[in-house]
PDB file of all heavy atoms in Angstrom:
ATOM      1  N   GLY A   1       2.954  -8.403  -7.002  1.00  0.00           N
ATOM      2  CA  GLY A   1       3.357  -7.911  -8.302  1.00  0.00           C
ATOM      3  C   GLY A   1       4.224  -6.683  -8.076  1.00  0.00           C
ATOM      4  O   GLY A   1       4.039  -5.979  -7.088  1.00  0.00           O
ATOM      5  N   VAL A   2       5.190  -6.468  -8.958  1.00  0.00           N
ATOM      6  CA  VAL A   2       6.175  -5.405  -8.724  1.00  0.00           C
ATOM      7  C   VAL A   2       6.207  -4.440  -9.900  1.00  0.00           C
ATOM      8  O   VAL A   2       6.108  -4.835 -11.047  1.00  0.00           O
ATOM      9  CB  VAL A   2       7.591  -6.023  -8.527  1.00  0.00           C
ATOM     10  CG1 VAL A   2       8.661  -4.957  -8.409  1.00  0.00           C
ATOM     11  CG2 VAL A   2       7.601  -6.924  -7.312  1.00  0.00           C
ATOM     12  N   VAL A   3       6.336  -3.159  -9.549  1.00  0.00           N
ATOM     13  CA  VAL A   3       6.589  -2.101 -10.538  1.00  0.00           C
ATOM     14  C   VAL A   3       7.915  -1.441 -10.147  1.00  0.00           C
ATOM     15  O   VAL A   3       8.245  -1.389  -8.966  1.00  0.00           O
ATOM     16  CB  VAL A   3       5.412  -1.106 -10.577  1.00  0.00           C
ATOM     17  CG1 VAL A   3       5.271  -0.348  -9.281  1.00  0.00           C
ATOM     18  CG2 VAL A   3       5.564  -0.128 -11.729  1.00  0.00           C
ATOM     19  N   SER A   4       8.658  -0.974 -11.117  1.00  0.00           N
ATOM     20  CA  SER A   4       9.941  -0.337 -10.823  1.00  0.00           C
ATOM     21  C   SER A   4       9.836   1.179 -11.026  1.00  0.00           C
ATOM     22  O   SER A   4       9.339   1.631 -12.077  1.00  0.00           O
ATOM     23  CB  SER A   4      10.994  -0.908 -11.755  1.00  0.00           C
ATOM     24  OG  SER A   4      12.255  -0.351 -11.452  1.00  0.00           O
ATOM     25  N   ARG A   5      10.277   1.936 -10.040  1.00  0.00           N
ATOM     26  CA  ARG A   5      10.317   3.403 -10.103  1.00  0.00           C
ATOM     27  C   ARG A   5      11.604   3.861  -9.412  1.00  0.00           C
ATOM     28  O   ARG A   5      11.886   3.411  -8.307  1.00  0.00           O
ATOM     29  CB  ARG A   5       9.145   4.054  -9.389  1.00  0.00           C
ATOM     30  CG  ARG A   5       7.790   3.762  -9.939  1.00  0.00           C
ATOM     31  CD  ARG A   5       7.374   4.799 -10.995  1.00  0.00           C
ATOM     32  NE  ARG A   5       5.972   4.732 -11.343  1.00  0.00           N
ATOM     33  CZ  ARG A   5       5.374   3.753 -12.008  1.00  0.00           C
ATOM     34  NH1 ARG A   5       6.041   2.707 -12.343  1.00  0.00           N
ATOM     35  NH2 ARG A   5       4.108   3.816 -12.322  1.00  0.00           N
ATOM     36  N   ASP A   6      12.343   4.734 -10.036  1.00  0.00           N
ATOM     37  CA  ASP A   6      13.576   5.278  -9.451  1.00  0.00           C
ATOM     38  C   ASP A   6      14.540   4.176  -8.995  1.00  0.00           C
ATOM     39  O   ASP A   6      15.237   4.307  -8.002  1.00  0.00           O
ATOM     40  CB  ASP A   6      13.256   6.174  -8.239  1.00  0.00           C
ATOM     41  CG  ASP A   6      12.364   7.342  -8.606  1.00  0.00           C
ATOM     42  OD1 ASP A   6      12.570   7.940  -9.673  1.00  0.00           O
ATOM     43  OD2 ASP A   6      11.437   7.639  -7.829  1.00  0.00           O
ATOM     44  N   GLY A   7      14.529   3.059  -9.702  1.00  0.00           N
ATOM     45  CA  GLY A   7      15.399   1.942  -9.326  1.00  0.00           C
ATOM     46  C   GLY A   7      14.910   1.172  -8.104  1.00  0.00           C
ATOM     47  O   GLY A   7      15.648   0.353  -7.559  1.00  0.00           O
ATOM     48  N   LEU A   8      13.675   1.390  -7.706  1.00  0.00           N
ATOM     49  CA  LEU A   8      13.108   0.703  -6.529  1.00  0.00           C
ATOM     50  C   LEU A   8      12.121  -0.350  -6.982  1.00  0.00           C
ATOM     51  O   LEU A   8      11.418  -0.161  -7.972  1.00  0.00           O
ATOM     52  CB  LEU A   8      12.374   1.714  -5.639  1.00  0.00           C
ATOM     53  CG  LEU A   8      13.175   2.867  -5.063  1.00  0.00           C
ATOM     54  CD1 LEU A   8      12.259   3.875  -4.407  1.00  0.00           C
ATOM     55  CD2 LEU A   8      14.212   2.342  -4.084  1.00  0.00           C
ATOM     56  N   ARG A   9      12.051  -1.440  -6.241  1.00  0.00           N
ATOM     57  CA  ARG A   9      11.028  -2.454  -6.458  1.00  0.00           C
ATOM     58  C   ARG A   9       9.859  -2.125  -5.546  1.00  0.00           C
ATOM     59  O   ARG A   9       9.986  -2.135  -4.319  1.00  0.00           O
ATOM     60  CB  ARG A   9      11.575  -3.851  -6.138  1.00  0.00           C
ATOM     61  CG  ARG A   9      12.659  -4.284  -7.134  1.00  0.00           C
ATOM     62  CD  ARG A   9      13.219  -5.666  -6.821  1.00  0.00           C
ATOM     63  NE  ARG A   9      13.724  -5.828  -5.453  1.00  0.00           N
ATOM     64  CZ  ARG A   9      14.923  -5.428  -5.008  1.00  0.00           C
ATOM     65  NH1 ARG A   9      15.734  -4.811  -5.847  1.00  0.00           N
ATOM     66  NH2 ARG A   9      15.291  -5.623  -3.770  1.00  0.00           N
ATOM     67  N   LEU A  10       8.710  -1.786  -6.146  1.00  0.00           N
ATOM     68  CA  LEU A  10       7.529  -1.349  -5.391  1.00  0.00           C
ATOM     69  C   LEU A  10       6.378  -2.303  -5.624  1.00  0.00           C
ATOM     70  O   LEU A  10       6.175  -2.773  -6.750  1.00  0.00           O
ATOM     71  CB  LEU A  10       7.094   0.050  -5.852  1.00  0.00           C
ATOM     72  CG  LEU A  10       8.162   1.146  -5.834  1.00  0.00           C
ATOM     73  CD1 LEU A  10       7.626   2.408  -6.516  1.00  0.00           C
ATOM     74  CD2 LEU A  10       8.610   1.441  -4.432  1.00  0.00           C
ATOM     75  N   ALA A  11       5.618  -2.588  -4.573  1.00  0.00           N
ATOM     76  CA  ALA A  11       4.423  -3.437  -4.715  1.00  0.00           C
ATOM     77  C   ALA A  11       3.399  -2.674  -5.553  1.00  0.00           C
ATOM     78  O   ALA A  11       3.303  -1.444  -5.504  1.00  0.00           O
ATOM     79  CB  ALA A  11       3.843  -3.733  -3.334  1.00  0.00           C
ATOM     80  N   LEU A  12       2.639  -3.434  -6.344  1.00  0.00           N
ATOM     81  CA  LEU A  12       1.564  -2.821  -7.117  1.00  0.00           C
ATOM     82  C   LEU A  12       0.578  -2.111  -6.166  1.00  0.00           C
ATOM     83  O   LEU A  12       0.463  -2.509  -5.008  1.00  0.00           O
ATOM     84  CB  LEU A  12       0.842  -3.882  -7.931  1.00  0.00           C
ATOM     85  CG  LEU A  12       1.656  -4.470  -9.085  1.00  0.00           C
ATOM     86  CD1 LEU A  12       0.877  -5.599  -9.768  1.00  0.00           C
ATOM     87  CD2 LEU A  12       2.059  -3.411 -10.095  1.00  0.00           C
ATOM     88  N   PRO A  13      -0.102  -1.079  -6.640  1.00  0.00           N
ATOM     89  CA  PRO A  13      -0.910  -0.248  -5.749  1.00  0.00           C
ATOM     90  C   PRO A  13      -1.964  -0.960  -4.913  1.00  0.00           C
ATOM     91  O   PRO A  13      -2.087  -0.646  -3.729  1.00  0.00           O
ATOM     92  CB  PRO A  13      -1.555   0.744  -6.728  1.00  0.00           C
ATOM     93  CG  PRO A  13      -0.606   0.849  -7.858  1.00  0.00           C
ATOM     94  CD  PRO A  13      -0.037  -0.537  -7.992  1.00  0.00           C
ATOM     95  N   ALA A  14      -2.707  -1.898  -5.468  1.00  0.00           N
ATOM     96  CA  ALA A  14      -3.738  -2.549  -4.669  1.00  0.00           C
ATOM     97  C   ALA A  14      -3.124  -3.315  -3.479  1.00  0.00           C
ATOM     98  O   ALA A  14      -3.623  -3.219  -2.348  1.00  0.00           O
ATOM     99  CB  ALA A  14      -4.570  -3.511  -5.527  1.00  0.00           C
ATOM    100  N   ARG A  15      -2.036  -3.992  -3.724  1.00  0.00           N
ATOM    101  CA  ARG A  15      -1.381  -4.728  -2.624  1.00  0.00           C
ATOM    102  C   ARG A  15      -0.786  -3.762  -1.619  1.00  0.00           C
ATOM    103  O   ARG A  15      -0.926  -3.947  -0.403  1.00  0.00           O
ATOM    104  CB  ARG A  15      -0.266  -5.637  -3.205  1.00  0.00           C
ATOM    105  CG  ARG A  15       0.598  -6.335  -2.190  1.00  0.00           C
ATOM    106  CD  ARG A  15      -0.156  -7.436  -1.432  1.00  0.00           C
ATOM    107  NE  ARG A  15       0.663  -8.096  -0.430  1.00  0.00           N
ATOM    108  CZ  ARG A  15       1.351  -9.222  -0.642  1.00  0.00           C
ATOM    109  NH1 ARG A  15       1.325  -9.800  -1.829  1.00  0.00           N
ATOM    110  NH2 ARG A  15       2.031  -9.743   0.331  1.00  0.00           N
ATOM    111  N   ALA A  16      -0.108  -2.708  -2.094  1.00  0.00           N
ATOM    112  CA  ALA A  16       0.497  -1.733  -1.190  1.00  0.00           C
ATOM    113  C   ALA A  16      -0.574  -1.054  -0.317  1.00  0.00           C
ATOM    114  O   ALA A  16      -0.362  -0.858   0.890  1.00  0.00           O
ATOM    115  CB  ALA A  16       1.279  -0.676  -1.978  1.00  0.00           C
ATOM    116  N   ALA A  17      -1.717  -0.718  -0.920  1.00  0.00           N
ATOM    117  CA  ALA A  17      -2.793  -0.086  -0.155  1.00  0.00           C
ATOM    118  C   ALA A  17      -3.340  -1.022   0.920  1.00  0.00           C
ATOM    119  O   ALA A  17      -3.543  -0.599   2.069  1.00  0.00           O
ATOM    120  CB  ALA A  17      -3.918   0.347  -1.101  1.00  0.00           C
ATOM    121  N   LEU A  18      -3.549  -2.285   0.577  1.00  0.00           N
ATOM    122  CA  LEU A  18      -4.066  -3.216   1.574  1.00  0.00           C
ATOM    123  C   LEU A  18      -3.036  -3.518   2.646  1.00  0.00           C
ATOM    124  O   LEU A  18      -3.376  -3.658   3.822  1.00  0.00           O
ATOM    125  CB  LEU A  18      -4.524  -4.513   0.889  1.00  0.00           C
ATOM    126  CG  LEU A  18      -5.773  -4.349   0.014  1.00  0.00           C
ATOM    127  CD1 LEU A  18      -6.198  -5.701  -0.541  1.00  0.00           C
ATOM    128  CD2 LEU A  18      -6.907  -3.694   0.753  1.00  0.00           C
ATOM    129  N   ASP A  19      -1.763  -3.602   2.267  1.00  0.00           N
ATOM    130  CA  ASP A  19      -0.708  -3.808   3.271  1.00  0.00           C
ATOM    131  C   ASP A  19      -0.698  -2.670   4.273  1.00  0.00           C
ATOM    132  O   ASP A  19      -0.521  -2.871   5.475  1.00  0.00           O
ATOM    133  CB  ASP A  19       0.666  -3.937   2.606  1.00  0.00           C
ATOM    134  CG  ASP A  19       0.883  -5.257   1.909  1.00  0.00           C
ATOM    135  OD1 ASP A  19       0.152  -6.232   2.214  1.00  0.00           O
ATOM    136  OD2 ASP A  19       1.776  -5.318   1.042  1.00  0.00           O
ATOM    137  N   MET A  20      -0.879  -1.466   3.788  1.00  0.00           N
ATOM    138  CA  MET A  20      -0.913  -0.290   4.654  1.00  0.00           C
ATOM    139  C   MET A  20      -2.202  -0.225   5.484  1.00  0.00           C
ATOM    140  O   MET A  20      -2.177  -0.026   6.698  1.00  0.00           O
ATOM    141  CB  MET A  20      -0.758   0.977   3.824  1.00  0.00           C
ATOM    142  CG  MET A  20      -0.702   2.247   4.617  1.00  0.00           C
ATOM    143  SD  MET A  20      -0.494   3.662   3.489  1.00  0.00           S
ATOM    144  CE  MET A  20      -0.468   4.974   4.666  1.00  0.00           C
ATOM    145  N   ALA A  21      -3.331  -0.432   4.817  1.00  0.00           N
ATOM    146  CA  ALA A  21      -4.622  -0.278   5.477  1.00  0.00           C
ATOM    147  C   ALA A  21      -4.875  -1.334   6.558  1.00  0.00           C
ATOM    148  O   ALA A  21      -5.432  -1.024   7.601  1.00  0.00           O
ATOM    149  CB  ALA A  21      -5.745  -0.329   4.426  1.00  0.00           C
ATOM    150  N   ARG A  22      -4.425  -2.549   6.350  1.00  0.00           N
ATOM    151  CA  ARG A  22      -4.723  -3.586   7.343  1.00  0.00           C
ATOM    152  C   ARG A  22      -3.915  -3.442   8.618  1.00  0.00           C
ATOM    153  O   ARG A  22      -4.202  -4.079   9.614  1.00  0.00           O
ATOM    154  CB  ARG A  22      -4.571  -4.983   6.745  1.00  0.00           C
ATOM    155  CG  ARG A  22      -3.213  -5.421   6.412  1.00  0.00           C
ATOM    156  CD  ARG A  22      -3.241  -6.784   5.729  1.00  0.00           C
ATOM    157  NE  ARG A  22      -1.965  -7.084   5.174  1.00  0.00           N
ATOM    158  CZ  ARG A  22      -0.908  -7.453   5.886  1.00  0.00           C
ATOM    159  NH1 ARG A  22      -1.012  -7.607   7.169  1.00  0.00           N
ATOM    160  NH2 ARG A  22       0.241  -7.678   5.292  1.00  0.00           N
ATOM    161  N   ARG A  23      -2.954  -2.558   8.637  1.00  0.00           N
ATOM    162  CA  ARG A  23      -2.198  -2.276   9.862  1.00  0.00           C
ATOM    163  C   ARG A  23      -2.798  -1.111  10.660  1.00  0.00           C
ATOM    164  O   ARG A  23      -2.377  -0.814  11.746  1.00  0.00           O
ATOM    165  CB  ARG A  23      -0.743  -1.964   9.524  1.00  0.00           C
ATOM    166  CG  ARG A  23      -0.048  -3.192   8.971  1.00  0.00           C
ATOM    167  CD  ARG A  23       1.453  -2.991   8.858  1.00  0.00           C
ATOM    168  NE  ARG A  23       2.096  -4.268   8.717  1.00  0.00           N
ATOM    169  CZ  ARG A  23       2.385  -5.109   9.699  1.00  0.00           C
ATOM    170  NH1 ARG A  23       2.086  -4.782  10.930  1.00  0.00           N
ATOM    171  NH2 ARG A  23       2.966  -6.246   9.481  1.00  0.00           N
ATOM    172  N   GLU A  24      -3.795  -0.469  10.068  1.00  0.00           N
ATOM    173  CA  GLU A  24      -4.444   0.674  10.715  1.00  0.00           C
ATOM    174  C   GLU A  24      -5.520   0.195  11.679  1.00  0.00           C
ATOM    175  O   GLU A  24      -6.229  -0.757  11.388  1.00  0.00           O
ATOM    176  CB  GLU A  24      -5.097   1.582   9.679  1.00  0.00           C
ATOM    177  CG  GLU A  24      -4.176   2.530   9.006  1.00  0.00           C
ATOM    178  CD  GLU A  24      -3.610   3.591   9.943  1.00  0.00           C
ATOM    179  OE1 GLU A  24      -4.244   3.901  10.971  1.00  0.00           O
ATOM    180  OE2 GLU A  24      -2.555   4.117   9.626  1.00  0.00           O
ATOM    181  N   THR A  25      -5.647   0.918  12.786  1.00  0.00           N
ATOM    182  CA  THR A  25      -6.710   0.614  13.754  1.00  0.00           C
ATOM    183  C   THR A  25      -7.807   1.698  13.717  1.00  0.00           C
ATOM    184  O   THR A  25      -8.846   1.504  14.314  1.00  0.00           O
ATOM    185  CB  THR A  25      -6.144   0.522  15.177  1.00  0.00           C
ATOM    186  OG1 THR A  25      -5.458   1.730  15.489  1.00  0.00           O
ATOM    187  CG2 THR A  25      -5.191  -0.672  15.305  1.00  0.00           C
ATOM    188  N   ASN A  26      -7.531   2.783  13.034  1.00  0.00           N
ATOM    189  CA  ASN A  26      -8.484   3.879  12.917  1.00  0.00           C
ATOM    190  C   ASN A  26      -9.300   3.713  11.635  1.00  0.00           C
ATOM    191  O   ASN A  26      -8.741   3.810  10.526  1.00  0.00           O
ATOM    192  CB  ASN A  26      -7.718   5.206  12.916  1.00  0.00           C
ATOM    193  CG  ASN A  26      -8.625   6.416  12.803  1.00  0.00           C
ATOM    194  OD1 ASN A  26      -9.765   6.320  12.374  1.00  0.00           O
ATOM    195  ND2 ASN A  26      -8.094   7.562  13.164  1.00  0.00           N
ATOM    196  N   PRO A  27     -10.602   3.494  11.727  1.00  0.00           N
ATOM    197  CA  PRO A  27     -11.424   3.290  10.524  1.00  0.00           C
ATOM    198  C   PRO A  27     -11.326   4.453   9.538  1.00  0.00           C
ATOM    199  O   PRO A  27     -11.322   4.247   8.335  1.00  0.00           O
ATOM    200  CB  PRO A  27     -12.853   3.151  11.071  1.00  0.00           C
ATOM    201  CG  PRO A  27     -12.688   2.754  12.483  1.00  0.00           C
ATOM    202  CD  PRO A  27     -11.404   3.368  12.959  1.00  0.00           C
ATOM    203  N   ARG A  28     -11.230   5.666  10.040  1.00  0.00           N
ATOM    204  CA  ARG A  28     -11.129   6.839   9.161  1.00  0.00           C
ATOM    205  C   ARG A  28      -9.832   6.792   8.349  1.00  0.00           C
ATOM    206  O   ARG A  28      -9.815   7.118   7.161  1.00  0.00           O
ATOM    207  CB  ARG A  28     -11.196   8.126   9.994  1.00  0.00           C
ATOM    208  CG  ARG A  28     -11.224   9.367   9.106  1.00  0.00           C
ATOM    209  CD  ARG A  28     -11.495  10.624   9.904  1.00  0.00           C
ATOM    210  NE  ARG A  28     -12.870  10.546  10.414  1.00  0.00           N
ATOM    211  CZ  ARG A  28     -13.251  11.056  11.570  1.00  0.00           C
ATOM    212  NH1 ARG A  28     -12.402  11.692  12.331  1.00  0.00           N
ATOM    213  NH2 ARG A  28     -14.495  10.943  11.961  1.00  0.00           N
ATOM    214  N   ALA A  29      -8.740   6.369   8.968  1.00  0.00           N
ATOM    215  CA  ALA A  29      -7.455   6.274   8.261  1.00  0.00           C
ATOM    216  C   ALA A  29      -7.533   5.203   7.142  1.00  0.00           C
ATOM    217  O   ALA A  29      -6.972   5.401   6.059  1.00  0.00           O
ATOM    218  CB  ALA A  29      -6.334   5.947   9.233  1.00  0.00           C
ATOM    219  N   VAL A  30      -8.222   4.112   7.417  1.00  0.00           N
ATOM    220  CA  VAL A  30      -8.376   3.061   6.394  1.00  0.00           C
ATOM    221  C   VAL A  30      -9.134   3.617   5.196  1.00  0.00           C
ATOM    222  O   VAL A  30      -8.733   3.416   4.050  1.00  0.00           O
ATOM    223  CB  VAL A  30      -9.102   1.818   6.997  1.00  0.00           C
ATOM    224  CG1 VAL A  30      -9.403   0.799   5.899  1.00  0.00           C
ATOM    225  CG2 VAL A  30      -8.251   1.188   8.097  1.00  0.00           C
ATOM    226  N   VAL A  31     -10.211   4.338   5.454  1.00  0.00           N
ATOM    227  CA  VAL A  31     -10.997   4.948   4.373  1.00  0.00           C
ATOM    228  C   VAL A  31     -10.118   5.918   3.582  1.00  0.00           C
ATOM    229  O   VAL A  31     -10.137   5.940   2.349  1.00  0.00           O
ATOM    230  CB  VAL A  31     -12.237   5.692   4.952  1.00  0.00           C
ATOM    231  CG1 VAL A  31     -12.884   6.594   3.914  1.00  0.00           C
ATOM    232  CG2 VAL A  31     -13.246   4.669   5.482  1.00  0.00           C
ATOM    233  N   GLU A  32      -9.319   6.737   4.262  1.00  0.00           N
ATOM    234  CA  GLU A  32      -8.435   7.707   3.586  1.00  0.00           C
ATOM    235  C   GLU A  32      -7.428   7.017   2.673  1.00  0.00           C
ATOM    236  O   GLU A  32      -7.143   7.480   1.576  1.00  0.00           O
ATOM    237  CB  GLU A  32      -7.744   8.600   4.610  1.00  0.00           C
ATOM    238  CG  GLU A  32      -8.696   9.575   5.269  1.00  0.00           C
ATOM    239  CD  GLU A  32      -8.081  10.314   6.450  1.00  0.00           C
ATOM    240  OE1 GLU A  32      -6.886  10.089   6.765  1.00  0.00           O
ATOM    241  OE2 GLU A  32      -8.819  11.098   7.075  1.00  0.00           O
TER     242      GLU A  32
END
C-alpha cells in the first residue's frame, strides 16, 4: 500500500517496518 509525501511514493508503515526489520541480524535493532 502506498502513501504520498513530498511527491514520493512511500510504503505504508507496517510494510516499511517489516521490510527494514527482516534485513536486520541484530535482535535489539529489530525491537528498536
